[in-house]
Amino acid sequence: MLTSERVGVGCEVAERVIAHLVGSAVSRVYDRNEYLREKRAALEAWPGELARVVRES
């Protein structure tokens, strides 16, 4: 649900939030960015989406 249009988190960031490996082995060697800002934004958006789902049920 993080990647839904409503929440708007990109697939790559969502994968990083749940600690999945992203990209090829070579790109992972060179990409040392922790994506902290993007992961924080994703996790801050998540509670609002969960609250919306609960209200609708």
N, C-alpha and C. Protein backbone atom coordinates (compact mmCIF):
# COMPACT_ATOMS: atom_id res chain seq x y z
N MET A 1 0.81 -1.19 0.00
CA MET A 1 0.00 0.00 0.00
C MET A 1 0.85 1.26 0.00
N LEU A 2 2.11 1.15 0.40
CA LEU A 2 2.97 2.33 0.36
C LEU A 2 3.08 2.91 -1.04
N THR A 3 3.05 2.04 -2.03
CA THR A 3 3.23 2.49 -3.41
C THR A 3 1.92 2.89 -4.08
N SER A 4 0.82 2.90 -3.34
CA SER A 4 -0.45 3.32 -3.94
C SER A 4 -0.37 4.79 -4.31
N GLU A 5 -1.23 5.21 -5.23
CA GLU A 5 -1.25 6.62 -5.62
C GLU A 5 -1.58 7.51 -4.43
N ARG A 6 -2.37 7.01 -3.52
CA ARG A 6 -2.77 7.80 -2.36
C ARG A 6 -1.59 8.12 -1.45
N VAL A 7 -0.72 7.13 -1.20
CA VAL A 7 0.43 7.35 -0.34
C VAL A 7 1.59 7.90 -1.16
N GLY A 8 1.80 7.35 -2.35
CA GLY A 8 2.76 7.91 -3.29
C GLY A 8 4.22 7.61 -3.06
N VAL A 9 4.54 6.53 -2.39
CA VAL A 9 5.93 6.15 -2.18
C VAL A 9 6.39 5.33 -3.39
N GLY A 10 7.56 5.66 -3.91
CA GLY A 10 8.09 4.92 -5.05
C GLY A 10 8.45 3.49 -4.68
N CYS A 11 8.40 2.61 -5.65
CA CYS A 11 8.70 1.19 -5.42
C CYS A 11 10.08 0.98 -4.82
N GLU A 12 11.07 1.70 -5.34
CA GLU A 12 12.44 1.52 -4.85
C GLU A 12 12.55 1.92 -3.38
N VAL A 13 11.90 3.00 -3.01
CA VAL A 13 11.95 3.45 -1.61
C VAL A 13 11.19 2.46 -0.73
N ALA A 14 10.03 1.99 -1.17
CA ALA A 14 9.27 1.02 -0.39
C ALA A 14 10.08 -0.24 -0.14
N GLU A 15 10.80 -0.69 -1.15
CA GLU A 15 11.66 -1.87 -0.99
C GLU A 15 12.76 -1.60 0.04
N ARG A 16 13.32 -0.41 0.02
CA ARG A 16 14.37 -0.07 0.98
C ARG A 16 13.82 0.04 2.40
N VAL A 17 12.59 0.52 2.53
CA VAL A 17 11.97 0.62 3.86
C VAL A 17 11.90 -0.75 4.52
N ILE A 18 11.59 -1.78 3.73
CA ILE A 18 11.48 -3.13 4.30
C ILE A 18 12.77 -3.93 4.13
N ALA A 19 13.86 -3.21 3.83
CA ALA A 19 15.21 -3.76 3.80
C ALA A 19 15.42 -4.81 2.71
N HIS A 20 14.70 -4.70 1.60
CA HIS A 20 14.97 -5.58 0.46
C HIS A 20 16.15 -5.03 -0.33
N LEU A 21 16.88 -5.90 -1.00
CA LEU A 21 17.94 -5.46 -1.88
C LEU A 21 17.32 -4.87 -3.13
N VAL A 22 17.87 -3.78 -3.60
CA VAL A 22 17.35 -3.09 -4.78
C VAL A 22 18.47 -2.94 -5.78
N GLY A 23 18.21 -3.23 -7.04
CA GLY A 23 19.19 -3.04 -8.10
C GLY A 23 20.13 -4.21 -8.25
N SER A 24 21.03 -4.07 -9.21
CA SER A 24 22.01 -5.12 -9.48
C SER A 24 23.10 -5.10 -8.41
N ALA A 25 23.88 -6.15 -8.38
CA ALA A 25 24.98 -6.22 -7.42
C ALA A 25 25.95 -5.07 -7.62
N VAL A 26 26.20 -4.70 -8.87
CA VAL A 26 27.13 -3.60 -9.15
C VAL A 26 26.55 -2.28 -8.65
N SER A 27 25.29 -2.02 -8.92
CA SER A 27 24.71 -0.74 -8.47
C SER A 27 24.67 -0.67 -6.95
N ARG A 28 24.47 -1.79 -6.28
CA ARG A 28 24.46 -1.79 -4.82
C ARG A 28 25.83 -1.46 -4.25
N VAL A 29 26.89 -1.85 -4.94
CA VAL A 29 28.24 -1.55 -4.48
C VAL A 29 28.49 -0.04 -4.53
N TYR A 30 28.03 0.61 -5.59
CA TYR A 30 28.32 2.03 -5.76
C TYR A 30 27.29 2.94 -5.10
N ASP A 31 26.08 2.48 -4.89
CA ASP A 31 25.05 3.32 -4.30
C ASP A 31 25.10 3.16 -2.78
N ARG A 32 25.80 4.05 -2.13
CA ARG A 32 25.96 3.97 -0.67
C ARG A 32 24.99 4.88 0.06
N ASN A 33 24.07 5.50 -0.67
CA ASN A 33 23.07 6.36 -0.05
C ASN A 33 22.18 5.53 0.86
N GLU A 34 21.87 6.03 2.03
CA GLU A 34 21.01 5.32 2.97
C GLU A 34 19.53 5.61 2.72
N TYR A 35 19.21 6.61 1.88
CA TYR A 35 17.83 6.98 1.57
C TYR A 35 17.03 7.31 2.83
N LEU A 36 17.71 7.90 3.81
CA LEU A 36 17.04 8.18 5.09
C LEU A 36 15.88 9.16 4.93
N ARG A 37 16.07 10.23 4.17
CA ARG A 37 15.00 11.21 3.99
C ARG A 37 13.78 10.57 3.32
N GLU A 38 14.02 9.79 2.29
CA GLU A 38 12.93 9.15 1.56
C GLU A 38 12.22 8.10 2.41
N LYS A 39 13.00 7.33 3.17
CA LYS A 39 12.40 6.31 4.03
C LYS A 39 11.60 6.96 5.16
N ARG A 40 12.11 8.06 5.71
CA ARG A 40 11.38 8.77 6.75
C ARG A 40 10.04 9.29 6.22
N ALA A 41 10.06 9.88 5.03
CA ALA A 41 8.82 10.39 4.43
C ALA A 41 7.82 9.25 4.21
N ALA A 42 8.30 8.10 3.76
CA ALA A 42 7.42 6.96 3.55
C ALA A 42 6.80 6.50 4.86
N LEU A 43 7.61 6.40 5.89
CA LEU A 43 7.11 5.93 7.18
C LEU A 43 6.21 6.96 7.85
N GLU A 44 6.41 8.24 7.56
CA GLU A 44 5.52 9.27 8.10
C GLU A 44 4.18 9.28 7.37
N ALA A 45 4.15 8.88 6.11
CA ALA A 45 2.90 8.82 5.35
C ALA A 45 2.06 7.60 5.72
N TRP A 46 2.70 6.56 6.18
CA TRP A 46 2.04 5.27 6.44
C TRP A 46 0.93 5.35 7.50
N PRO A 47 1.12 6.00 8.65
CA PRO A 47 0.05 6.04 9.67
C PRO A 47 -1.25 6.67 9.16
N GLY A 48 -1.13 7.69 8.33
CA GLY A 48 -2.32 8.32 7.77
C GLY A 48 -3.10 7.37 6.89
N GLU A 49 -2.39 6.58 6.11
CA GLU A 49 -3.06 5.59 5.25
C GLU A 49 -3.71 4.50 6.09
N LEU A 50 -3.03 4.04 7.13
CA LEU A 50 -3.63 3.02 8.00
C LEU A 50 -4.88 3.56 8.69
N ALA A 51 -4.83 4.81 9.15
CA ALA A 51 -6.01 5.42 9.78
C ALA A 51 -7.17 5.51 8.81
N ARG A 52 -6.89 5.83 7.54
CA ARG A 52 -7.94 5.90 6.53
C ARG A 52 -8.58 4.53 6.31
N VAL A 53 -7.74 3.49 6.26
CA VAL A 53 -8.26 2.13 6.05
C VAL A 53 -9.14 1.73 7.20
N VAL A 54 -8.71 2.02 8.43
CA VAL A 54 -9.48 1.66 9.61
C VAL A 54 -10.83 2.40 9.62
N ARG A 55 -10.81 3.68 9.27
CA ARG A 55 -12.07 4.46 9.24
C ARG A 55 -13.04 3.89 8.23
N GLU A 56 -12.54 3.38 7.11
CA GLU A 56 -13.41 2.86 6.05
C GLU A 56 -13.95 1.47 6.36
N SER A 57 -13.38 0.80 7.35
CA SER A 57 -13.85 -0.56 7.63
C SER A 57 -14.91 -0.59 8.70
